[in-house]
Each structure stands twice: as C-alpha cells, then as structure tokens.
C-alpha atoms as a PDB file:
ATOM      1  CA  MET A   1     186.595  61.943 -67.938  1.00  0.00           C
ATOM      2  CA  PRO A   2     184.435  59.883 -70.257  1.00  0.00           C
ATOM      3  CA  LYS A   3     181.227  59.547 -69.548  1.00  0.00           C
ATOM      4  CA  ASN A   4     180.910  56.228 -69.046  1.00  0.00           C
ATOM      5  CA  SER A   5     183.426  56.094 -66.357  1.00  0.00           C
ATOM      6  CA  LEU A   6     181.057  58.373 -63.968  1.00  0.00           C
ATOM      7  CA  ASN A   7     179.023  55.607 -61.146  1.00  0.00           C
ATOM      8  CA  VAL A   8     176.592  58.525 -59.777  1.00  0.00           C
ATOM      9  CA  SER A   9     173.364  57.386 -58.383  1.00  0.00           C
ATOM     10  CA  LEU A  10     170.823  60.475 -58.218  1.00  0.00           C
ATOM     11  CA  LYS A  11     168.130  59.676 -55.143  1.00  0.00           C
ATOM     12  CA  GLY A  12     165.048  61.694 -54.721  1.00  0.00           C
ATOM     13  CA  ALA A  13     164.496  63.816 -51.436  1.00  0.00           C
ATOM     14  CA  ASP A  14     162.388  60.842 -49.354  1.00  0.00           C
ATOM     15  CA  ASP A  15     165.459  58.581 -50.373  1.00  0.00           C
ATOM     16  CA  ILE A  16     167.592  61.443 -49.173  1.00  0.00           C
ATOM     17  CA  PHE A  17     166.312  61.859 -45.854  1.00  0.00           C
ATOM     18  CA  SER A  18     164.386  59.038 -44.447  1.00  0.00           C
ATOM     19  CA  THR A  19     166.036  56.891 -41.985  1.00  0.00           C
ATOM     20  CA  GLU A  20     166.763  53.078 -42.162  1.00  0.00           C
ATOM     21  CA  GLU A  21     164.052  52.594 -39.570  1.00  0.00           C
ATOM     22  CA  SER A  22     161.181  54.341 -42.148  1.00  0.00           C
ATOM     23  CA  ARG A  23     162.493  52.186 -45.070  1.00  0.00           C
ATOM     24  CA  GLN A  24     162.245  48.821 -43.274  1.00  0.00           C
ATOM     25  CA  GLU A  25     158.825  49.575 -42.002  1.00  0.00           C
ATOM     26  CA  GLN A  26     158.086  50.603 -45.672  1.00  0.00           C
ATOM     27  CA  GLN A  27     159.571  47.357 -46.802  1.00  0.00           C
ATOM     28  CA  ARG A  28     157.481  45.129 -43.795  1.00  0.00           C
ATOM     29  CA  GLU A  29     153.960  46.858 -45.585  1.00  0.00           C
ATOM     30  CA  GLN A  30     154.842  45.862 -48.824  1.00  0.00           C
ATOM     31  CA  VAL A  31     152.270  42.737 -49.618  1.00  0.00           C
ATOM     32  CA  GLN A  32     154.132  39.550 -50.141  1.00  0.00           C
ATOM     33  CA  GLN A  33     152.897  36.131 -51.508  1.00  0.00           C
ATOM     34  CA  ILE A  34     153.105  33.300 -48.902  1.00  0.00           C
ATOM     35  CA  PRO A  35     152.638  29.970 -48.873  1.00  0.00           C
ATOM     36  CA  ILE A  36     148.894  29.308 -47.098  1.00  0.00           C
ATOM     37  CA  GLY A  37     151.164  26.128 -45.335  1.00  0.00           C
ATOM     38  CA  GLU A  38     153.766  29.148 -44.162  1.00  0.00           C
ATOM     39  CA  LEU A  39     150.077  30.529 -42.033  1.00  0.00           C
ATOM     40  CA  PHE A  40     148.939  29.470 -38.707  1.00  0.00           C
ATOM     41  CA  PRO A  41     146.079  30.699 -36.725  1.00  0.00           C
ATOM     42  CA  PHE A  42     146.067  33.268 -33.971  1.00  0.00           C
ATOM     43  CA  LYS A  43     146.920  31.815 -30.572  1.00  0.00           C
ATOM     44  CA  ASN A  44     143.404  31.157 -29.005  1.00  0.00           C
ATOM     45  CA  HIS A  45     141.662  32.590 -31.599  1.00  0.00           C
ATOM     46  CA  PRO A  46     138.343  33.375 -30.317  1.00  0.00           C
ATOM     47  CA  PHE A  47     136.295  33.939 -33.808  1.00  0.00           C
ATOM     48  CA  LYS A  48     134.927  30.913 -34.975  1.00  0.00           C
ATOM     49  CA  VAL A  49     135.540  29.838 -38.402  1.00  0.00           C
ATOM     50  CA  LEU A  50     132.407  28.268 -39.679  1.00  0.00           C
ATOM     51  CA  ASP A  51     131.678  26.322 -43.152  1.00  0.00           C
ATOM     52  CA  ASP A  52     128.348  28.008 -43.208  1.00  0.00           C
ATOM     53  CA  GLU A  53     126.484  29.656 -46.150  1.00  0.00           C
ATOM     54  CA  SER A  54     128.671  33.022 -45.832  1.00  0.00           C
ATOM     55  CA  MET A  55     131.786  30.740 -45.769  1.00  0.00           C
ATOM     56  CA  GLN A  56     130.568  29.515 -48.810  1.00  0.00           C
ATOM     57  CA  ARG A  57     130.012  32.700 -50.865  1.00  0.00           C
ATOM     58  CA  THR A  58     133.307  33.489 -49.768  1.00  0.00           C
ATOM     59  CA  VAL A  59     134.904  30.617 -51.354  1.00  0.00           C
ATOM     60  CA  GLU A  60     132.825  31.421 -54.392  1.00  0.00           C
ATOM     61  CA  SER A  61     134.312  35.099 -54.743  1.00  0.00           C
ATOM     62  CA  VAL A  62     137.962  33.991 -54.200  1.00  0.00           C
ATOM     63  CA  GLU A  63     137.602  31.409 -57.016  1.00  0.00           C
ATOM     64  CA  GLN A  64     136.602  33.843 -59.256  1.00  0.00           C
ATOM     65  CA  TYR A  65     138.496  36.743 -57.908  1.00  0.00           C
ATOM     66  CA  GLY A  66     141.241  35.344 -55.633  1.00  0.00           C
ATOM     67  CA  VAL A  67     141.894  37.081 -51.768  1.00  0.00           C
ATOM     68  CA  LEU A  68     141.767  40.916 -53.072  1.00  0.00           C
ATOM     69  CA  SER A  69     142.497  42.054 -49.228  1.00  0.00           C
ATOM     70  CA  PRO A  70     145.429  41.124 -48.074  1.00  0.00           C
ATOM     71  CA  LEU A  71     146.153  39.344 -44.737  1.00  0.00           C
ATOM     72  CA  ILE A  72     148.248  40.533 -41.616  1.00  0.00           C
ATOM     73  CA  ALA A  73     150.505  38.630 -39.806  1.00  0.00           C
ATOM     74  CA  ARG A  74     153.550  38.385 -37.805  1.00  0.00           C
ATOM     75  CA  PRO A  75     156.763  36.227 -38.079  1.00  0.00           C
ATOM     76  CA  ARG A  76     156.476  32.961 -35.382  1.00  0.00           C
ATOM     77  CA  PRO A  77     159.859  32.579 -33.673  1.00  0.00           C
ATOM     78  CA  GLU A  78     159.318  28.593 -34.595  1.00  0.00           C
ATOM     79  CA  GLY A  79     159.135  29.588 -38.208  1.00  0.00           C
ATOM     80  CA  GLY A  80     156.164  30.612 -40.540  1.00  0.00           C
ATOM     81  CA  TYR A  81     153.464  33.621 -39.794  1.00  0.00           C
ATOM     82  CA  GLU A  82     150.818  33.989 -37.350  1.00  0.00           C
ATOM     83  CA  ILE A  83     147.497  35.076 -38.979  1.00  0.00           C
ATOM     84  CA  ILE A  84     146.446  38.356 -36.872  1.00  0.00           C
ATOM     85  CA  SER A  85     143.967  39.681 -39.818  1.00  0.00           C
ATOM     86  CA  GLY A  86     142.439  37.271 -41.894  1.00  0.00           C
ATOM     87  CA  HIS A  87     141.230  33.801 -40.853  1.00  0.00           C
ATOM     88  CA  ARG A  88     137.939  33.267 -42.796  1.00  0.00           C
ATOM     89  CA  ARG A  89     139.742  34.673 -45.784  1.00  0.00           C
ATOM     90  CA  GLN A  90     142.701  32.144 -45.292  1.00  0.00           C
ATOM     91  CA  HIS A  91     139.844  29.488 -44.859  1.00  0.00           C
ATOM     92  CA  ALA A  92     137.966  30.035 -47.803  1.00  0.00           C
ATOM     93  CA  ALA A  93     141.444  30.415 -50.359  1.00  0.00           C
ATOM     94  CA  GLN A  94     141.998  26.835 -48.965  1.00  0.00           C
ATOM     95  CA  LEU A  95     138.715  25.399 -49.820  1.00  0.00           C
ATOM     96  CA  ALA A  96     138.974  27.453 -53.194  1.00  0.00           C
ATOM     97  CA  GLY A  97     142.429  25.263 -53.943  1.00  0.00           C
ATOM     98  CA  LEU A  98     145.259  28.283 -53.921  1.00  0.00           C
ATOM     99  CA  ASP A  99     148.598  28.168 -53.224  1.00  0.00           C
ATOM    100  CA  THR A 100     149.626  31.173 -51.959  1.00  0.00           C
ATOM    101  CA  LEU A 101     147.885  34.362 -50.368  1.00  0.00           C
ATOM    102  CA  PRO A 102     148.687  38.344 -50.561  1.00  0.00           C
ATOM    103  CA  VAL A 103     150.073  38.782 -46.833  1.00  0.00           C
ATOM    104  CA  ILE A 104     151.066  41.865 -44.963  1.00  0.00           C
ATOM    105  CA  VAL A 105     153.613  41.019 -42.359  1.00  0.00           C
ATOM    106  CA  ARG A 106     154.447  43.045 -39.366  1.00  0.00           C
ATOM    107  CA  GLN A 107     156.268  42.793 -36.167  1.00  0.00           C
ATOM    108  CA  MET A 108     154.328  42.984 -33.136  1.00  0.00           C
ATOM    109  CA  ASP A 109     154.759  41.914 -29.981  1.00  0.00           C
ATOM    110  CA  ASP A 110     151.701  39.759 -28.150  1.00  0.00           C
ATOM    111  CA  ASP A 111     149.780  42.443 -27.024  1.00  0.00           C
ATOM    112  CA  ALA A 112     149.705  44.318 -30.060  1.00  0.00           C
ATOM    113  CA  ALA A 113     148.691  41.528 -31.905  1.00  0.00           C
ATOM    114  CA  VAL A 114     146.124  40.646 -29.616  1.00  0.00           C
ATOM    115  CA  LEU A 115     144.423  44.316 -29.865  1.00  0.00           C
ATOM    116  CA  LEU A 116     144.895  44.194 -33.490  1.00  0.00           C
ATOM    117  CA  MET A 117     143.273  40.857 -34.236  1.00  0.00           C
ATOM    118  CA  VAL A 118     140.266  41.704 -32.066  1.00  0.00           C
ATOM    119  CA  ASP A 119     139.671  45.152 -33.269  1.00  0.00           C
ATOM    120  CA  SER A 120     139.405  43.862 -36.901  1.00  0.00           C
ATOM    121  CA  ASN A 121     137.396  40.786 -36.414  1.00  0.00           C
ATOM    122  CA  LEU A 122     134.904  43.274 -34.095  1.00  0.00           C
ATOM    123  CA  GLN A 123     134.260  44.890 -37.717  1.00  0.00           C
ATOM    124  CA  ARG A 124     132.369  41.626 -38.784  1.00  0.00           C
ATOM    125  CA  GLU A 125     128.205  41.967 -38.867  1.00  0.00           C
ATOM    126  CA  ASN A 126     127.426  38.827 -36.969  1.00  0.00           C
ATOM    127  CA  ILE A 127     129.288  37.854 -34.305  1.00  0.00           C
ATOM    128  CA  LEU A 128     128.287  35.302 -31.331  1.00  0.00           C
ATOM    129  CA  PRO A 129     127.998  36.447 -27.832  1.00  0.00           C
ATOM    130  CA  SER A 130     131.001  33.545 -27.132  1.00  0.00           C
ATOM    131  CA  GLU A 131     133.285  35.178 -29.798  1.00  0.00           C
ATOM    132  CA  ARG A 132     132.208  38.861 -27.966  1.00  0.00           C
ATOM    133  CA  ALA A 133     132.988  37.505 -24.801  1.00  0.00           C
ATOM    134  CA  PHE A 134     136.443  36.119 -25.001  1.00  0.00           C
ATOM    135  CA  ALA A 135     137.497  38.650 -27.967  1.00  0.00           C
ATOM    136  CA  TYR A 136     136.983  41.381 -25.185  1.00  0.00           C
ATOM    137  CA  LYS A 137     138.955  39.557 -22.546  1.00  0.00           C
ATOM    138  CA  MET A 138     141.667  39.066 -24.512  1.00  0.00           C
ATOM    139  CA  LYS A 139     141.690  42.773 -24.832  1.00  0.00           C
ATOM    140  CA  LEU A 140     140.972  44.073 -21.542  1.00  0.00           C
ATOM    141  CA  GLU A 141     144.056  41.828 -20.725  1.00  0.00           C
ATOM    142  CA  ALA A 142     146.229  43.069 -22.992  1.00  0.00           C
ATOM    143  CA  ILE A 143     145.274  46.446 -22.442  1.00  0.00           C
ATOM    144  CA  GLU A 144     145.582  46.187 -18.557  1.00  0.00           C
ATOM    145  CA  ARG A 145     149.422  44.428 -19.430  1.00  0.00           C
ATOM    146  CA  THR A 146     150.321  47.592 -21.876  1.00  0.00           C
ATOM    147  CA  VAL A 147     148.951  50.053 -18.992  1.00  0.00           C
ATOM    148  CA  GLY A 148     151.287  48.591 -16.794  1.00  0.00           C
ATOM    149  CA  ARG A 149     154.737  48.465 -18.794  1.00  0.00           C
ATOM    150  CA  PRO A 150     156.777  51.088 -19.007  1.00  0.00           C
ATOM    151  CA  LYS A 151     156.878  52.721 -22.303  1.00  0.00           C
ATOM    152  CA  ASN A 152     160.039  52.185 -24.806  1.00  0.00           C
ATOM    153  CA  VAL A 153     161.642  55.290 -25.848  1.00  0.00           C
ATOM    154  CA  GLY A 154     159.649  57.027 -28.748  1.00  0.00           C
ATOM    155  CA  GLN A 155     157.050  54.157 -28.241  1.00  0.00           C
ATOM    156  CA  VAL A 156     153.573  55.483 -29.640  1.00  0.00           C
ATOM    157  CA  VAL A 157     151.127  54.368 -26.832  1.00  0.00           C
ATOM    158  CA  PRO A 158     147.205  55.626 -26.790  1.00  0.00           C
ATOM    159  CA  ASP A 159     146.387  57.656 -24.317  1.00  0.00           C
ATOM    160  CA  TYR A 160     144.540  55.371 -21.241  1.00  0.00           C
ATOM    161  CA  PHE A 161     144.887  57.638 -18.772  1.00  0.00           C
ATOM    162  CA  GLY A 162     142.183  58.177 -15.958  1.00  0.00           C
ATOM    163  CA  LYS A 163     140.077  55.372 -17.961  1.00  0.00           C
ATOM    164  CA  ARG A 164     138.729  52.432 -17.170  1.00  0.00           C
ATOM    165  CA  SER A 165     140.726  49.417 -18.621  1.00  0.00           C
ATOM    166  CA  THR A 166     136.847  48.057 -19.569  1.00  0.00           C
ATOM    167  CA  GLU A 167     136.251  52.041 -21.148  1.00  0.00           C
ATOM    168  CA  ILE A 168     139.143  51.324 -23.335  1.00  0.00           C
ATOM    169  CA  VAL A 169     137.914  47.946 -24.314  1.00  0.00           C
ATOM    170  CA  ALA A 170     134.244  49.570 -25.119  1.00  0.00           C
ATOM    171  CA  GLU A 171     135.609  52.249 -27.213  1.00  0.00           C
ATOM    172  CA  GLY A 172     134.290  52.176 -30.773  1.00  0.00           C
ATOM    173  CA  THR A 173     131.877  48.921 -30.190  1.00  0.00           C
ATOM    174  CA  GLY A 174     128.843  50.606 -29.179  1.00  0.00           C
ATOM    175  CA  GLU A 175     128.916  48.885 -25.906  1.00  0.00           C
ATOM    176  CA  SER A 176     129.336  50.347 -22.584  1.00  0.00           C
ATOM    177  CA  TYR A 177     131.921  49.579 -20.044  1.00  0.00           C
ATOM    178  CA  LYS A 178     129.333  47.553 -18.021  1.00  0.00           C
ATOM    179  CA  GLN A 179     128.175  45.794 -20.679  1.00  0.00           C
ATOM    180  CA  VAL A 180     131.806  44.810 -21.551  1.00  0.00           C
ATOM    181  CA  GLN A 181     131.964  43.290 -18.174  1.00  0.00           C
ATOM    182  CA  ARG A 182     128.558  41.270 -18.652  1.00  0.00           C
ATOM    183  CA  PHE A 183     130.427  39.899 -21.759  1.00  0.00           C
ATOM    184  CA  ILE A 184     133.239  38.962 -20.308  1.00  0.00           C
ATOM    185  CA  ARG A 185     131.268  37.092 -17.295  1.00  0.00           C
ATOM    186  CA  LEU A 186     130.091  34.720 -19.815  1.00  0.00           C
ATOM    187  CA  THR A 187     133.350  33.210 -20.007  1.00  0.00           C
ATOM    188  CA  ASN A 188     132.958  31.960 -16.847  1.00  0.00           C
ATOM    189  CA  LEU A 189     130.167  29.535 -18.245  1.00  0.00           C
ATOM    190  CA  ILE A 190     131.182  25.921 -19.093  1.00  0.00           C
ATOM    191  CA  PRO A 191     130.960  25.400 -22.722  1.00  0.00           C
ATOM    192  CA  GLU A 192     127.473  23.446 -22.866  1.00  0.00           C
ATOM    193  CA  LEU A 193     125.973  26.513 -21.498  1.00  0.00           C
ATOM    194  CA  LEU A 194     128.007  28.809 -23.412  1.00  0.00           C
ATOM    195  CA  ASP A 195     126.697  27.046 -26.639  1.00  0.00           C
ATOM    196  CA  MET A 196     123.277  27.624 -25.549  1.00  0.00           C
ATOM    197  CA  VAL A 197     123.668  31.288 -25.142  1.00  0.00           C
ATOM    198  CA  ASP A 198     125.346  31.171 -28.710  1.00  0.00           C
ATOM    199  CA  GLU A 199     122.376  29.088 -29.745  1.00  0.00           C
ATOM    200  CA  LYS A 200     119.445  31.422 -28.103  1.00  0.00           C
ATOM    201  CA  LYS A 201     118.532  28.539 -25.789  1.00  0.00           C
ATOM    202  CA  ILE A 202     119.964  30.778 -22.787  1.00  0.00           C
ATOM    203  CA  ALA A 203     118.909  34.596 -23.386  1.00  0.00           C
ATOM    204  CA  PHE A 204     121.902  36.583 -22.581  1.00  0.00           C
ATOM    205  CA  ASN A 205     120.845  37.812 -19.080  1.00  0.00           C
ATOM    206  CA  PRO A 206     120.053  35.266 -17.347  1.00  0.00           C
ATOM    207  CA  ALA A 207     123.167  33.735 -18.757  1.00  0.00           C
ATOM    208  CA  VAL A 208     125.018  36.619 -17.135  1.00  0.00           C
ATOM    209  CA  GLU A 209     123.670  35.920 -13.714  1.00  0.00           C
ATOM    210  CA  LEU A 210     124.606  31.840 -14.317  1.00  0.00           C
ATOM    211  CA  SER A 211     128.123  32.554 -14.330  1.00  0.00           C
ATOM    212  CA  TYR A 212     127.849  33.429 -10.812  1.00  0.00           C
ATOM    213  CA  LEU A 213     127.477  29.792 -10.390  1.00  0.00           C
ATOM    214  CA  ASP A 214     130.876  27.342  -9.942  1.00  0.00           C
ATOM    215  CA  GLU A 215     131.331  24.441 -12.114  1.00  0.00           C
ATOM    216  CA  SER A 216     129.754  22.037 -10.305  1.00  0.00           C
ATOM    217  CA  GLN A 217     126.541  24.150  -9.790  1.00  0.00           C
ATOM    218  CA  GLN A 218     126.118  25.204 -13.628  1.00  0.00           C
ATOM    219  CA  ARG A 219     126.317  21.062 -14.028  1.00  0.00           C
ATOM    220  CA  ASP A 220     123.354  20.640 -11.742  1.00  0.00           C
ATOM    221  CA  PHE A 221     121.985  23.668 -13.149  1.00  0.00           C
ATOM    222  CA  LEU A 222     122.382  22.232 -16.679  1.00  0.00           C
ATOM    223  CA  GLU A 223     120.551  18.786 -15.759  1.00  0.00           C
ATOM    224  CA  ALA A 224     117.892  20.440 -14.039  1.00  0.00           C
ATOM    225  CA  MET A 225     117.246  22.782 -17.066  1.00  0.00           C
ATOM    226  CA  GLN A 226     117.140  19.219 -19.097  1.00  0.00           C
ATOM    227  CA  ASP A 227     115.338  17.566 -17.306  1.00  0.00           C
ATOM    228  CA  THR A 228     112.232  20.400 -17.065  1.00  0.00           C
ATOM    229  CA  GLN A 229     112.910  21.581 -20.669  1.00  0.00           C
ATOM    230  CA  ASN A 230     112.610  24.912 -19.737  1.00  0.00           C
ATOM    231  CA  ALA A 231     114.867  27.883 -20.617  1.00  0.00           C
ATOM    232  CA  PRO A 232     115.323  30.181 -17.210  1.00  0.00           C
ATOM    233  CA  SER A 233     113.805  33.869 -17.080  1.00  0.00           C
ATOM    234  CA  LEU A 234     116.357  36.376 -15.682  1.00  0.00           C
ATOM    235  CA  SER A 235     114.350  36.167 -12.141  1.00  0.00           C
ATOM    236  CA  GLN A 236     114.994  32.471 -12.156  1.00  0.00           C
ATOM    237  CA  ALA A 237     118.310  32.955 -13.047  1.00  0.00           C
ATOM    238  CA  GLN A 238     118.840  35.585 -10.317  1.00  0.00           C
ATOM    239  CA  ARG A 239     117.233  33.517  -7.656  1.00  0.00           C
ATOM    240  CA  LEU A 240     120.060  30.671  -8.385  1.00  0.00           C
ATOM    241  CA  LYS A 241     122.499  32.965  -8.021  1.00  0.00           C
ATOM    242  CA  LYS A 242     121.292  34.200  -5.080  1.00  0.00           C
ATOM    243  CA  LEU A 243     121.142  30.362  -3.011  1.00  0.00           C
ATOM    244  CA  ALA A 244     124.480  29.686  -4.694  1.00  0.00           C
ATOM    245  CA  GLN A 245     125.844  32.943  -2.743  1.00  0.00           C
ATOM    246  CA  GLU A 246     123.949  31.856   0.621  1.00  0.00           C
ATOM    247  CA  GLY A 247     125.050  28.561   0.086  1.00  0.00           C
ATOM    248  CA  HIS A 248     121.588  27.200  -0.316  1.00  0.00           C
ATOM    249  CA  PHE A 249     122.236  25.766  -4.051  1.00  0.00           C
ATOM    250  CA  SER A 250     121.476  22.180  -5.553  1.00  0.00           C
ATOM    251  CA  TYR A 251     120.212  20.214  -8.279  1.00  0.00           C
ATOM    252  CA  ASP A 252     116.964  19.564  -6.422  1.00  0.00           C
ATOM    253  CA  VAL A 253     116.774  23.257  -5.797  1.00  0.00           C
ATOM    254  CA  ALA A 254     117.068  24.108  -9.207  1.00  0.00           C
ATOM    255  CA  PHE A 255     115.254  21.303 -10.435  1.00  0.00           C
ATOM    256  CA  ALA A 256     112.114  23.074  -8.311  1.00  0.00           C
ATOM    257  CA  VAL A 257     113.055  26.503  -9.660  1.00  0.00           C
ATOM    258  CA  MET A 258     113.179  25.587 -13.341  1.00  0.00           C
ATOM    259  CA  GLY A 259     109.946  23.661 -12.497  1.00  0.00           C
ATOM    260  CA  GLU A 260     107.925  26.499 -11.997  1.00  0.00           C
ATOM    261  CA  GLU A 261     105.269  28.248 -14.382  1.00  0.00           C
ATOM    262  CA  LYS A 262     106.457  31.289 -15.286  1.00  0.00           C
ATOM    263  CA  LYS A 263     103.966  34.379 -15.307  1.00  0.00           C
ATOM    264  CA  ASP A 264     104.198  35.364 -18.964  1.00  0.00           C
ATOM    265  CA  GLU A 265     103.369  31.333 -19.442  1.00  0.00           C
ATOM    266  CA  LEU A 266     100.253  31.615 -17.262  1.00  0.00           C
ATOM    267  CA  ASP A 267      99.050  34.917 -19.202  1.00  0.00           C
ATOM    268  CA  LYS A 268      99.135  33.625 -22.525  1.00  0.00           C
ATOM    269  CA  VAL A 269      97.075  31.404 -24.902  1.00  0.00           C
ATOM    270  CA  VAL A 270      99.515  29.289 -27.680  1.00  0.00           C
ATOM    271  CA  ILE A 271      97.833  27.853 -30.757  1.00  0.00           C
ATOM    272  CA  LYS A 272      99.681  25.856 -32.595  1.00  0.00           C
ATOM    273  CA  ASN A 273     100.137  27.084 -36.134  1.00  0.00           C
ATOM    274  CA  ASP A 274      98.945  23.346 -37.597  1.00  0.00           C
ATOM    275  CA  THR A 275      96.023  23.447 -35.411  1.00  0.00           C
ATOM    276  CA  LEU A 276      94.532  26.765 -36.964  1.00  0.00           C
ATOM    277  CA  ARG A 277      95.764  25.884 -40.795  1.00  0.00           C
ATOM    278  CA  LYS A 278      93.046  22.914 -40.473  1.00  0.00           C
ATOM    279  CA  TYR A 279      90.447  26.300 -40.572  1.00  0.00           C
ATOM    280  CA  PHE A 280      92.289  28.815 -43.286  1.00  0.00           C
ATOM    281  CA  PRO A 281      93.042  28.590 -46.859  1.00  0.00           C
ATOM    282  CA  ARG A 282      96.935  28.080 -47.676  1.00  0.00           C
ATOM    283  CA  SER A 283      96.584  31.794 -48.638  1.00  0.00           C
ATOM    284  CA  PHE A 284      96.042  33.253 -45.596  1.00  0.00           C
ATOM    285  CA  THR A 285      98.448  35.053 -44.325  1.00  0.00           C
ATOM    286  CA  PRO A 286      99.351  35.093 -40.562  1.00  0.00           C
ATOM    287  CA  LYS A 287      97.662  38.767 -40.429  1.00  0.00           C
ATOM    288  CA  GLN A 288      94.712  37.626 -42.225  1.00  0.00           C
ATOM    289  CA  MET A 289      94.691  34.782 -39.949  1.00  0.00           C
ATOM    290  CA  GLU A 290      94.501  36.853 -37.013  1.00  0.00           C
ATOM    291  CA  ASP A 291      92.241  39.526 -38.348  1.00  0.00           C
ATOM    292  CA  THR A 292      89.601  36.740 -39.052  1.00  0.00           C
ATOM    293  CA  ILE A 293      90.102  35.199 -35.420  1.00  0.00           C
ATOM    294  CA  ILE A 294      89.265  38.466 -33.699  1.00  0.00           C
ATOM    295  CA  LYS A 295      86.471  39.391 -36.076  1.00  0.00           C
ATOM    296  CA  LEU A 296      84.790  35.683 -34.746  1.00  0.00           C
ATOM    297  CA  LEU A 297      85.475  36.307 -31.167  1.00  0.00           C
ATOM    298  CA  ASP A 298      83.557  39.726 -31.248  1.00  0.00           C
ATOM    299  CA  GLN A 299      80.897  37.872 -32.967  1.00  0.00           C
ATOM    300  CA  TRP A 300      80.987  35.378 -30.340  1.00  0.00           C
ATOM    301  CA  GLN A 301      81.114  38.022 -27.504  1.00  0.00           C
ATOM    302  CA  ARG A 302      78.094  40.094 -29.219  1.00  0.00           C
ATOM    303  CA  LYS A 303      76.266  36.787 -29.037  1.00  0.00           C
ATOM    304  CA  GLN A 304      76.550  36.031 -25.410  1.00  0.00           C
ATOM    305  CA  GLN A 305      76.072  39.523 -24.596  1.00  0.00           C
ATOM    306  CA  ARG A 306      72.009  39.102 -26.496  1.00  0.00           C
ATOM    307  CA  GLN A 307      71.763  35.487 -25.027  1.00  0.00           C
ATOM    308  CA  ASN A 308      72.906  37.064 -21.535  1.00  0.00           C
ATOM    309  CA  GLU A 309      70.247  39.718 -22.009  1.00  0.00           C
ATOM    310  CA  ARG A 310      66.931  37.409 -22.470  1.00  0.00           C
END
C-alpha cells in the first residue's frame, strides 16, 4: 500500500487518556478576545468603579501595555458575558479606547460566581466600608445556600462542616467572624449614613450601633446630626440604640443627645493652624512650633512661680 494512502493520526498520551470533560474544561480556560460591548457588570456588584487617580494610572498603563491580566466572565442567558473579575480593567480599557479584551470564560452557577467575584475583589488594597459590607453579605448568602444544597455527583465542595457561615466568610480576610458580622450590619444603614461612613464622617463603631435604628429613626438621626453639626461618638450611638429599643427615640431626643458636649472636647484646647502661623516663620514645622510653645509655657510657668513666692 502506498505511503500516502495511510491516514493515521498519532496522539500524545495526554490526548489518549484525557476525558471529553477535561478537554472541554481546557477549552473553556483558554483566553479569548471578546468585544467590550459584549461584557456586562456583575449583577449587584458591590465594588465601586471610580474615575479617580488610581483609575487614571490604570488607563495610562492600558494605553501603553494593553490589558495584561485577563478578565474572568461567564456566559449570560440573554447573550454576552457577565464579568466576574475585572470590572476596573474593563472600565480602564473603555477609557483607553480598546475594542476587545482578553477574557477567560467559565460556566459557573450564581453562588460560585458570587464567591469568586467577592474573593477576587477583596484582594484590592483600598476597600470602602460599604463595599466590604455588601461583599461580605453577598458571600454569606451564597455560602448559606451552598451549605443547604445537595451535592452533585463529583462536585468538589469546600469543607464547611462545623463552621459558622461568618467564619467561612472571614477566612483569608484577616477579619474575625464577629467583625464580619459587624460589617454586614452596615448594610442596614440608609445610603446617606453609609456614604458618611465611607467618607469617614461617621466612625465605624458608632455606625454599627446606628444600624439598629429603623429607616425612619435613621432619617431623624441624620437630621439631628446635621442640625447640631456633630458626629456621633460610640457612647452617643449606643444610647440612641438603647432609646430606640425602649421606644423612646425621636428627633428631639436625637437632637438633645447629639447637642451634648463630648468629654474629649471638654478636655482639650484646639488652636487653629492659621492662628499659630502668624507667630512663626514659614519654615517652621508643626513639631518645631509645638516645641517652641512648650518652651515658652515653661518660661511663663517659672515666672508665675517666682511672682507667687514674693
């Protein structure tokens, strides 16, 4: 038989012994170039994509080098792909004028997608309290659904036995499960108060206490806070929570509590920087100004003591 009549295809060992499922998995994990217009944000994505200085640096990097790390997305029933990881990269690519993006497409159910989306975004350096709060809540709900669902044959499920759901959420975050619970409490705040937590106008611990007020009480508190121009201390927030639980909360009560002078305000004297600058050369640092003030006060105290001894 002539040589050229043979039609033999020699396969490697990996090809011979691999299953159809594993070959499909390898195919799915390949990086594809997908048009930006076919990529859509994750439903209820808790992480904000801001046009800030960090985004501008990302845009400049994309313009120079392209998107080096592929996004992860899953097919949508209605067409296109839902981004699981890479929302900031997609936005930067849009601003940079790219037409396509490198994407790894995975078939994932809703809960698996939530877990991956949250975990991949929690690796970022700067995360707002509101982002962390809603991310933890989404992950908690996904884990609770996963624990209560029967396993499919061959399905690999993490070992959740004997653990609180919040303990599972906390793993790898550096947070205790109690701190995770406290972050999730923030999701009960009205948007205006939660924005103030992000902006550091309300501290985290008082915000957790205020989250126990209902929506109407929170709005009364917000009005009282604005009218008194005071941020709540932890003790004030705890008192307001207790008053609400006892049925004694009102705008007038919140106004009275927020109008009180705080102990730390009574114990300190504040001199504005502009006032001090009138007495010092421009080259003086705050530490030099402080040292000079202390030295002058020491001299004044000694003078007073000499006068009292006469």
